[in-house]
Amino acid sequence: MNLNELVDSLIELSCHEMPEEARKSLDDAIDHIVSNMNDNQLKDVLGNTILDEIETKHPKHVWKEEGDEEEIKAIKSLMDGNIAIA
């Protein structure tokens, strides 16, 4: 059994009814395995995500709309600490 099959099996198992303590232990095990994977292993387990599929179909699509520049500047200023939220 490879890593992908193991994670898939654990996730499938977690969908079955079980005591809450067992579910938490299983979720913790899945979290531990996934958090210790490198990017390539994660991509193998997750496969194509929705964003990957969108980018494949629309490789040069622009995700911002007309007029978003002001909003982007405001968000950057907020992140830089130049604007405070009251």
N, C-alpha and C. Protein backbone atom coordinates (compact mmCIF):
# COMPACT_ATOMS: atom_id res chain seq x y z
N MET A 1 0.85 -1.17 0.00
CA MET A 1 0.00 0.00 0.00
C MET A 1 0.90 1.24 0.00
N ASN A 2 0.67 2.13 -0.96
CA ASN A 2 1.48 3.35 -0.99
C ASN A 2 0.81 4.45 -0.15
N LEU A 3 1.48 5.57 -0.04
CA LEU A 3 1.02 6.66 0.81
C LEU A 3 -0.35 7.18 0.37
N ASN A 4 -0.55 7.32 -0.93
CA ASN A 4 -1.84 7.80 -1.45
C ASN A 4 -2.96 6.87 -1.03
N GLU A 5 -2.75 5.57 -1.19
CA GLU A 5 -3.78 4.59 -0.84
C GLU A 5 -4.05 4.61 0.66
N LEU A 6 -3.00 4.79 1.45
CA LEU A 6 -3.17 4.83 2.90
C LEU A 6 -4.03 6.02 3.30
N VAL A 7 -3.71 7.20 2.79
CA VAL A 7 -4.48 8.39 3.13
C VAL A 7 -5.91 8.25 2.64
N ASP A 8 -6.10 7.76 1.42
CA ASP A 8 -7.46 7.55 0.90
C ASP A 8 -8.25 6.59 1.79
N SER A 9 -7.60 5.52 2.22
CA SER A 9 -8.27 4.54 3.07
C SER A 9 -8.65 5.14 4.42
N LEU A 10 -7.76 5.93 4.99
CA LEU A 10 -8.05 6.56 6.28
C LEU A 10 -9.20 7.57 6.16
N ILE A 11 -9.19 8.32 5.08
CA ILE A 11 -10.27 9.30 4.87
C ILE A 11 -11.60 8.57 4.66
N GLU A 12 -11.58 7.51 3.88
CA GLU A 12 -12.79 6.72 3.66
C GLU A 12 -13.29 6.13 4.98
N LEU A 13 -12.39 5.63 5.78
CA LEU A 13 -12.75 5.07 7.08
C LEU A 13 -13.37 6.13 7.98
N SER A 14 -12.86 7.36 7.89
CA SER A 14 -13.37 8.43 8.75
C SER A 14 -14.79 8.82 8.39
N CYS A 15 -15.27 8.41 7.23
CA CYS A 15 -16.65 8.71 6.81
C CYS A 15 -17.66 7.76 7.45
N HIS A 16 -17.20 6.68 8.03
CA HIS A 16 -18.09 5.71 8.66
C HIS A 16 -18.42 6.16 10.09
N GLU A 17 -19.54 5.67 10.57
CA GLU A 17 -19.94 6.02 11.92
C GLU A 17 -19.02 5.34 12.93
N MET A 18 -18.60 6.12 13.92
CA MET A 18 -17.71 5.61 14.96
C MET A 18 -17.81 6.51 16.17
N PRO A 19 -17.34 6.05 17.31
CA PRO A 19 -17.34 6.90 18.51
C PRO A 19 -16.51 8.16 18.28
N GLU A 20 -16.90 9.23 18.92
CA GLU A 20 -16.24 10.54 18.74
C GLU A 20 -14.74 10.47 19.05
N GLU A 21 -14.37 9.74 20.09
CA GLU A 21 -12.95 9.63 20.46
C GLU A 21 -12.16 8.93 19.36
N ALA A 22 -12.74 7.91 18.75
CA ALA A 22 -12.07 7.20 17.65
C ALA A 22 -11.95 8.10 16.44
N ARG A 23 -13.00 8.87 16.15
CA ARG A 23 -12.96 9.79 15.00
C ARG A 23 -11.86 10.84 15.22
N LYS A 24 -11.77 11.37 16.43
CA LYS A 24 -10.74 12.38 16.71
C LYS A 24 -9.34 11.78 16.54
N SER A 25 -9.14 10.58 17.02
CA SER A 25 -7.84 9.92 16.86
C SER A 25 -7.51 9.69 15.39
N LEU A 26 -8.49 9.27 14.62
CA LEU A 26 -8.29 9.04 13.20
C LEU A 26 -7.99 10.35 12.48
N ASP A 27 -8.75 11.41 12.80
CA ASP A 27 -8.49 12.72 12.21
C ASP A 27 -7.10 13.23 12.56
N ASP A 28 -6.68 13.00 13.81
CA ASP A 28 -5.33 13.40 14.23
C ASP A 28 -4.26 12.65 13.43
N ALA A 29 -4.51 11.36 13.20
CA ALA A 29 -3.55 10.56 12.43
C ALA A 29 -3.46 11.06 10.99
N ILE A 30 -4.61 11.36 10.40
CA ILE A 30 -4.62 11.88 9.02
C ILE A 30 -3.89 13.22 8.98
N ASP A 31 -4.20 14.10 9.93
CA ASP A 31 -3.53 15.41 9.99
C ASP A 31 -2.02 15.26 10.12
N HIS A 32 -1.59 14.34 10.97
CA HIS A 32 -0.16 14.12 11.19
C HIS A 32 0.53 13.65 9.89
N ILE A 33 -0.10 12.71 9.21
CA ILE A 33 0.48 12.19 7.96
C ILE A 33 0.55 13.29 6.91
N VAL A 34 -0.56 13.99 6.72
CA VAL A 34 -0.62 15.01 5.67
C VAL A 34 0.31 16.18 5.98
N SER A 35 0.40 16.59 7.25
CA SER A 35 1.25 17.73 7.59
C SER A 35 2.73 17.42 7.43
N ASN A 36 3.09 16.16 7.36
CA ASN A 36 4.50 15.78 7.19
C ASN A 36 4.84 15.43 5.74
N MET A 37 3.90 15.64 4.84
CA MET A 37 4.16 15.36 3.42
C MET A 37 4.83 16.56 2.77
N ASN A 38 5.65 16.28 1.76
CA ASN A 38 6.21 17.38 0.97
C ASN A 38 5.19 17.76 -0.11
N ASP A 39 5.48 18.82 -0.86
CA ASP A 39 4.55 19.33 -1.85
C ASP A 39 4.18 18.29 -2.91
N ASN A 40 5.18 17.53 -3.37
CA ASN A 40 4.91 16.52 -4.40
C ASN A 40 4.00 15.41 -3.88
N GLN A 41 4.23 15.00 -2.64
CA GLN A 41 3.38 13.97 -2.05
C GLN A 41 1.95 14.47 -1.89
N LEU A 42 1.81 15.73 -1.45
CA LEU A 42 0.48 16.31 -1.30
C LEU A 42 -0.25 16.38 -2.64
N LYS A 43 0.48 16.79 -3.66
CA LYS A 43 -0.13 16.89 -4.99
C LYS A 43 -0.57 15.50 -5.47
N ASP A 44 0.23 14.48 -5.18
CA ASP A 44 -0.14 13.12 -5.56
C ASP A 44 -1.41 12.67 -4.84
N VAL A 45 -1.51 13.01 -3.55
CA VAL A 45 -2.67 12.60 -2.77
C VAL A 45 -3.91 13.38 -3.19
N LEU A 46 -3.76 14.69 -3.35
CA LEU A 46 -4.91 15.53 -3.64
C LEU A 46 -5.30 15.49 -5.11
N GLY A 47 -4.36 15.18 -5.98
CA GLY A 47 -4.66 15.19 -7.41
C GLY A 47 -4.89 16.61 -7.88
N ASN A 48 -5.61 16.74 -8.96
CA ASN A 48 -5.93 18.07 -9.47
C ASN A 48 -6.99 18.72 -8.60
N THR A 49 -6.70 19.93 -8.17
CA THR A 49 -7.69 20.68 -7.43
C THR A 49 -8.53 21.47 -8.41
N ILE A 50 -9.56 22.07 -7.92
CA ILE A 50 -10.44 22.88 -8.78
C ILE A 50 -9.63 24.00 -9.43
N LEU A 51 -8.75 24.64 -8.65
CA LEU A 51 -7.95 25.73 -9.22
C LEU A 51 -7.03 25.24 -10.33
N ASP A 52 -6.44 24.04 -10.17
CA ASP A 52 -5.61 23.47 -11.22
C ASP A 52 -6.41 23.28 -12.49
N GLU A 53 -7.64 22.79 -12.34
CA GLU A 53 -8.49 22.56 -13.50
C GLU A 53 -8.86 23.87 -14.19
N ILE A 54 -9.16 24.90 -13.40
CA ILE A 54 -9.49 26.20 -13.97
C ILE A 54 -8.29 26.78 -14.70
N GLU A 55 -7.11 26.71 -14.07
CA GLU A 55 -5.91 27.24 -14.71
C GLU A 55 -5.56 26.49 -15.98
N THR A 56 -5.87 25.20 -16.03
CA THR A 56 -5.62 24.42 -17.23
C THR A 56 -6.55 24.87 -18.35
N LYS A 57 -7.80 25.09 -18.01
CA LYS A 57 -8.78 25.50 -19.03
C LYS A 57 -8.60 26.95 -19.45
N HIS A 58 -8.17 27.82 -18.51
CA HIS A 58 -8.05 29.25 -18.77
C HIS A 58 -6.69 29.74 -18.28
N PRO A 59 -5.61 29.35 -18.98
CA PRO A 59 -4.27 29.65 -18.48
C PRO A 59 -3.92 31.13 -18.37
N LYS A 60 -4.55 31.98 -19.16
CA LYS A 60 -4.20 33.40 -19.13
C LYS A 60 -5.32 34.25 -18.56
N HIS A 61 -6.22 33.62 -17.81
CA HIS A 61 -7.33 34.35 -17.23
C HIS A 61 -6.84 35.29 -16.15
N VAL A 62 -7.37 36.50 -16.14
CA VAL A 62 -7.02 37.49 -15.13
C VAL A 62 -8.07 37.41 -14.03
N TRP A 63 -7.62 37.25 -12.78
CA TRP A 63 -8.56 37.04 -11.68
C TRP A 63 -9.05 38.32 -11.05
N LYS A 64 -8.54 39.47 -11.49
CA LYS A 64 -9.05 40.70 -10.92
C LYS A 64 -9.91 41.41 -11.96
N GLU A 65 -10.83 42.19 -11.46
CA GLU A 65 -11.76 42.88 -12.34
C GLU A 65 -11.39 44.35 -12.44
N GLU A 66 -12.03 45.03 -13.35
CA GLU A 66 -11.84 46.45 -13.55
C GLU A 66 -12.15 47.19 -12.25
N GLY A 67 -11.29 48.09 -11.83
CA GLY A 67 -11.53 48.87 -10.61
C GLY A 67 -11.00 48.23 -9.35
N ASP A 68 -10.39 47.05 -9.42
CA ASP A 68 -9.88 46.37 -8.23
C ASP A 68 -8.58 46.99 -7.71
N GLU A 69 -7.96 47.87 -8.47
CA GLU A 69 -6.68 48.43 -8.07
C GLU A 69 -6.78 49.18 -6.74
N GLU A 70 -7.87 49.96 -6.57
CA GLU A 70 -8.06 50.71 -5.33
C GLU A 70 -8.19 49.76 -4.14
N GLU A 71 -8.95 48.70 -4.32
CA GLU A 71 -9.14 47.72 -3.25
C GLU A 71 -7.82 47.02 -2.92
N ILE A 72 -7.06 46.69 -3.94
CA ILE A 72 -5.76 46.03 -3.73
C ILE A 72 -4.82 46.95 -2.96
N LYS A 73 -4.79 48.25 -3.31
CA LYS A 73 -3.96 49.21 -2.59
C LYS A 73 -4.38 49.31 -1.13
N ALA A 74 -5.68 49.34 -0.89
CA ALA A 74 -6.19 49.44 0.49
C ALA A 74 -5.81 48.21 1.30
N ILE A 75 -5.93 47.03 0.71
CA ILE A 75 -5.58 45.79 1.41
C ILE A 75 -4.08 45.76 1.71
N LYS A 76 -3.25 46.17 0.74
CA LYS A 76 -1.81 46.21 0.97
C LYS A 76 -1.46 47.20 2.07
N SER A 77 -2.11 48.36 2.09
CA SER A 77 -1.87 49.34 3.14
C SER A 77 -2.27 48.81 4.51
N LEU A 78 -3.38 48.10 4.55
CA LEU A 78 -3.84 47.49 5.80
C LEU A 78 -2.84 46.45 6.29
N MET A 79 -2.33 45.64 5.36
CA MET A 79 -1.36 44.60 5.72
C MET A 79 -0.04 45.21 6.16
N ASP A 80 0.34 46.35 5.59
CA ASP A 80 1.58 47.01 5.96
C ASP A 80 1.46 47.80 7.27
N GLY A 81 0.23 47.92 7.78
CA GLY A 81 0.01 48.65 9.01
C GLY A 81 -0.19 50.12 8.82
N ASN A 82 -0.38 50.57 7.58
CA ASN A 82 -0.58 51.98 7.31
C ASN A 82 -2.03 52.41 7.56
N ILE A 83 -2.93 51.47 7.62
CA ILE A 83 -4.35 51.76 7.88
C ILE A 83 -4.78 50.91 9.06
N ALA A 84 -5.51 51.51 9.97
CA ALA A 84 -6.03 50.76 11.11
C ALA A 84 -7.54 50.62 10.96
N ILE A 85 -8.06 49.53 11.47
CA ILE A 85 -9.51 49.32 11.44
C ILE A 85 -10.03 49.65 12.84
N ALA A 86 -11.01 50.54 12.88
CA ALA A 86 -11.57 50.95 14.18
C ALA A 86 -12.88 50.24 14.44
